[in-house]
C-alpha atoms as a PDB file:
ATOM      1  CA  MET A   1     110.928 156.253 157.591  1.00  0.00           C
ATOM      2  CA  LYS A   2     110.860 158.905 160.289  1.00  0.00           C
ATOM      3  CA  THR A   3     110.606 162.522 159.187  1.00  0.00           C
ATOM      4  CA  THR A   4     112.716 165.069 161.023  1.00  0.00           C
ATOM      5  CA  ILE A   5     110.989 168.343 161.786  1.00  0.00           C
ATOM      6  CA  ARG A   6     113.045 171.440 162.415  1.00  0.00           C
ATOM      7  CA  PRO A   7     112.399 172.963 165.853  1.00  0.00           C
ATOM      8  CA  GLU A   8     111.286 176.277 164.389  1.00  0.00           C
ATOM      9  CA  GLU A   9     108.497 174.486 162.504  1.00  0.00           C
ATOM     10  CA  GLN A  10     107.082 172.683 165.497  1.00  0.00           C
ATOM     11  CA  ALA A  11     104.058 173.903 167.370  1.00  0.00           C
ATOM     12  CA  THR A  12     104.883 174.473 171.008  1.00  0.00           C
ATOM     13  CA  ARG A  13     102.917 174.975 174.212  1.00  0.00           C
ATOM     14  CA  SER A  14     103.513 177.758 176.677  1.00  0.00           C
ATOM     15  CA  GLY A  15     101.147 177.417 179.614  1.00  0.00           C
ATOM     16  CA  ASP A  16      97.639 177.146 178.225  1.00  0.00           C
ATOM     17  CA  GLN A  17      98.387 179.185 175.102  1.00  0.00           C
ATOM     18  CA  HIS A  18      99.178 177.391 171.860  1.00  0.00           C
ATOM     19  CA  ILE A  19     101.979 179.093 169.938  1.00  0.00           C
ATOM     20  CA  THR A  20     102.621 178.175 166.310  1.00  0.00           C
ATOM     21  CA  ALA A  21     105.906 179.115 164.705  1.00  0.00           C
ATOM     22  CA  PRO A  22     105.648 181.484 161.711  1.00  0.00           C
ATOM     23  CA  THR A  23     107.289 178.874 159.506  1.00  0.00           C
ATOM     24  CA  LEU A  24     104.546 176.354 160.281  1.00  0.00           C
ATOM     25  CA  LEU A  25     101.789 178.917 159.699  1.00  0.00           C
ATOM     26  CA  ALA A  26     103.407 179.893 156.406  1.00  0.00           C
ATOM     27  CA  SER A  27     103.849 176.251 155.371  1.00  0.00           C
ATOM     28  CA  VAL A  28     100.198 175.413 155.998  1.00  0.00           C
ATOM     29  CA  LEU A  29      98.933 178.580 154.327  1.00  0.00           C
ATOM     30  CA  LYS A  30     101.216 178.056 151.325  1.00  0.00           C
ATOM     31  CA  TYR A  31      99.991 174.463 150.974  1.00  0.00           C
ATOM     32  CA  LEU A  32      96.350 175.565 151.138  1.00  0.00           C
ATOM     33  CA  LEU A  33      96.942 178.307 148.568  1.00  0.00           C
ATOM     34  CA  PHE A  34      98.965 176.345 146.026  1.00  0.00           C
ATOM     35  CA  ASP A  35      98.358 172.634 146.621  1.00  0.00           C
ATOM     36  CA  GLY A  36      94.726 172.423 147.701  1.00  0.00           C
ATOM     37  CA  SER A  37      93.145 171.194 150.894  1.00  0.00           C
ATOM     38  CA  LEU A  38      94.331 169.344 153.998  1.00  0.00           C
ATOM     39  CA  ASN A  39      92.985 167.196 156.781  1.00  0.00           C
ATOM     40  CA  LYS A  40      94.861 166.580 160.037  1.00  0.00           C
ATOM     41  CA  PHE A  41      96.510 163.348 158.883  1.00  0.00           C
ATOM     42  CA  GLU A  42      97.781 164.883 155.638  1.00  0.00           C
ATOM     43  CA  ALA A  43      99.087 167.922 157.530  1.00  0.00           C
ATOM     44  CA  ALA A  44     101.018 165.704 159.937  1.00  0.00           C
ATOM     45  CA  ARG A  45     102.476 163.576 157.148  1.00  0.00           C
ATOM     46  CA  LYS A  46     103.256 166.310 154.609  1.00  0.00           C
ATOM     47  CA  LEU A  47     104.025 169.337 156.772  1.00  0.00           C
ATOM     48  CA  GLY A  48     104.762 168.055 160.250  1.00  0.00           C
ATOM     49  CA  ASP A  49     101.781 169.910 161.721  1.00  0.00           C
ATOM     50  CA  TRP A  50     100.438 167.701 164.511  1.00  0.00           C
ATOM     51  CA  SER A  51      97.687 170.120 165.567  1.00  0.00           C
ATOM     52  CA  LEU A  52      96.269 171.455 162.321  1.00  0.00           C
ATOM     53  CA  HIS A  53      93.071 172.618 164.020  1.00  0.00           C
ATOM     54  CA  SER A  54      95.121 175.060 166.121  1.00  0.00           C
ATOM     55  CA  THR A  55      97.069 176.311 163.113  1.00  0.00           C
ATOM     56  CA  ILE A  56      93.820 176.856 161.199  1.00  0.00           C
ATOM     57  CA  SER A  57      92.316 178.652 164.189  1.00  0.00           C
ATOM     58  CA  ASN A  58      95.387 180.899 164.374  1.00  0.00           C
ATOM     59  CA  LEU A  59      95.163 181.749 160.660  1.00  0.00           C
ATOM     60  CA  ALA A  60      91.438 182.467 160.913  1.00  0.00           C
ATOM     61  CA  ASN A  61      91.339 184.357 164.216  1.00  0.00           C
ATOM     62  CA  ASN A  62      94.679 186.172 164.282  1.00  0.00           C
ATOM     63  CA  TYR A  63      95.184 186.818 160.556  1.00  0.00           C
ATOM     64  CA  GLY A  64      91.576 186.981 159.318  1.00  0.00           C
ATOM     65  CA  VAL A  65      91.981 184.235 156.706  1.00  0.00           C
ATOM     66  CA  PRO A  66      88.557 182.696 155.963  1.00  0.00           C
ATOM     67  CA  ILE A  67      88.967 178.918 156.008  1.00  0.00           C
ATOM     68  CA  LYS A  68      86.427 176.554 154.505  1.00  0.00           C
ATOM     69  CA  ARG A  69      85.733 173.507 156.698  1.00  0.00           C
ATOM     70  CA  ILE A  70      84.170 170.355 155.265  1.00  0.00           C
ATOM     71  CA  PRO A  71      83.639 167.223 157.382  1.00  0.00           C
ATOM     72  CA  GLU A  72      84.801 164.049 155.667  1.00  0.00           C
ATOM     73  CA  LYS A  73      84.644 160.370 156.480  1.00  0.00           C
ATOM     74  CA  LEU A  74      87.888 158.487 156.136  1.00  0.00           C
ATOM     75  CA  PRO A  75      87.799 155.158 154.318  1.00  0.00           C
ATOM     76  CA  HIS A  76      88.179 152.018 156.434  1.00  0.00           C
ATOM     77  CA  THR A  77      87.498 153.840 159.695  1.00  0.00           C
ATOM     78  CA  ARG A  78      84.592 155.267 161.645  1.00  0.00           C
ATOM     79  CA  GLN A  79      86.489 158.451 162.351  1.00  0.00           C
ATOM     80  CA  SER A  80      85.504 161.639 160.595  1.00  0.00           C
ATOM     81  CA  VAL A  81      87.847 164.586 160.193  1.00  0.00           C
ATOM     82  CA  VAL A  82      87.651 168.111 158.839  1.00  0.00           C
ATOM     83  CA  ARG A  83      89.120 169.049 155.465  1.00  0.00           C
ATOM     84  CA  TYR A  84      90.357 172.656 155.384  1.00  0.00           C
ATOM     85  CA  SER A  85      90.720 174.828 152.295  1.00  0.00           C
ATOM     86  CA  ILE A  86      90.832 178.470 151.215  1.00  0.00           C
ATOM     87  CA  THR A  87      87.821 179.830 149.365  1.00  0.00           C
ATOM     88  CA  GLU A  88      88.349 181.551 146.026  1.00  0.00           C
ATOM     89  CA  SER A  89      87.163 184.856 147.468  1.00  0.00           C
ATOM     90  CA  ALA A  90      89.795 184.652 150.239  1.00  0.00           C
ATOM     91  CA  ARG A  91      92.792 183.800 148.057  1.00  0.00           C
ATOM     92  CA  ASN A  92      93.956 187.401 147.623  1.00  0.00           C
ATOM     93  CA  HIS A  93      93.885 188.113 151.359  1.00  0.00           C
ATOM     94  CA  ALA A  94      95.569 184.757 152.101  1.00  0.00           C
ATOM     95  CA  GLY A  95      98.344 185.663 149.656  1.00  0.00           C
ATOM     96  CA  HIS A  96      98.968 188.936 151.523  1.00  0.00           C
ATOM     97  CA  VAL A  97      99.064 187.071 154.846  1.00  0.00           C
ATOM     98  CA  LEU A  98     101.522 184.561 153.393  1.00  0.00           C
ATOM     99  CA  ALA A  99     103.801 187.403 152.281  1.00  0.00           C
ATOM    100  CA  LYS A 100     103.604 188.911 155.777  1.00  0.00           C
ATOM    101  CA  LEU A 101     104.412 185.547 157.402  1.00  0.00           C
ATOM    102  CA  SER A 102     107.312 185.015 155.005  1.00  0.00           C
ATOM    103  CA  ARG A 103     108.805 188.385 155.964  1.00  0.00           C
ATOM    104  CA  ARG A 104     108.334 187.578 159.642  1.00  0.00           C
ATOM    105  CA  LYS A 105     109.961 184.185 159.117  1.00  0.00           C
ATOM    106  CA  LYS A 106     113.043 185.783 157.552  1.00  0.00           C
ATOM    107  CA  THR A 107     113.480 188.258 160.397  1.00  0.00           C
ATOM    108  CA  ALA A 108     113.161 185.456 162.976  1.00  0.00           C
ATOM    109  CA  ALA A 109     115.941 183.436 161.315  1.00  0.00           C
END
């Protein structure tokens, strides 16, 4: 079954700069805050984020959200990926960023 992703939730490219829609940033941050951790395959399947590393970088560098990164080995493959999560000490700040992104999302709609 193919999942349809709304255009405003897709990550887009403009030249060499990666731009992530506020709805995608908010979706990833909300998932990390309330549902736990993500790796790139889970993010693609559950949230439609096909470049989670860029979204995480955006949250960390542009919004100051500390993200915990843990390498993990996937079963039945030689590939390792990174599992991202929010530390307990960063949850309050992440909640404020989520509120800011949610306001920005509403004004963009």
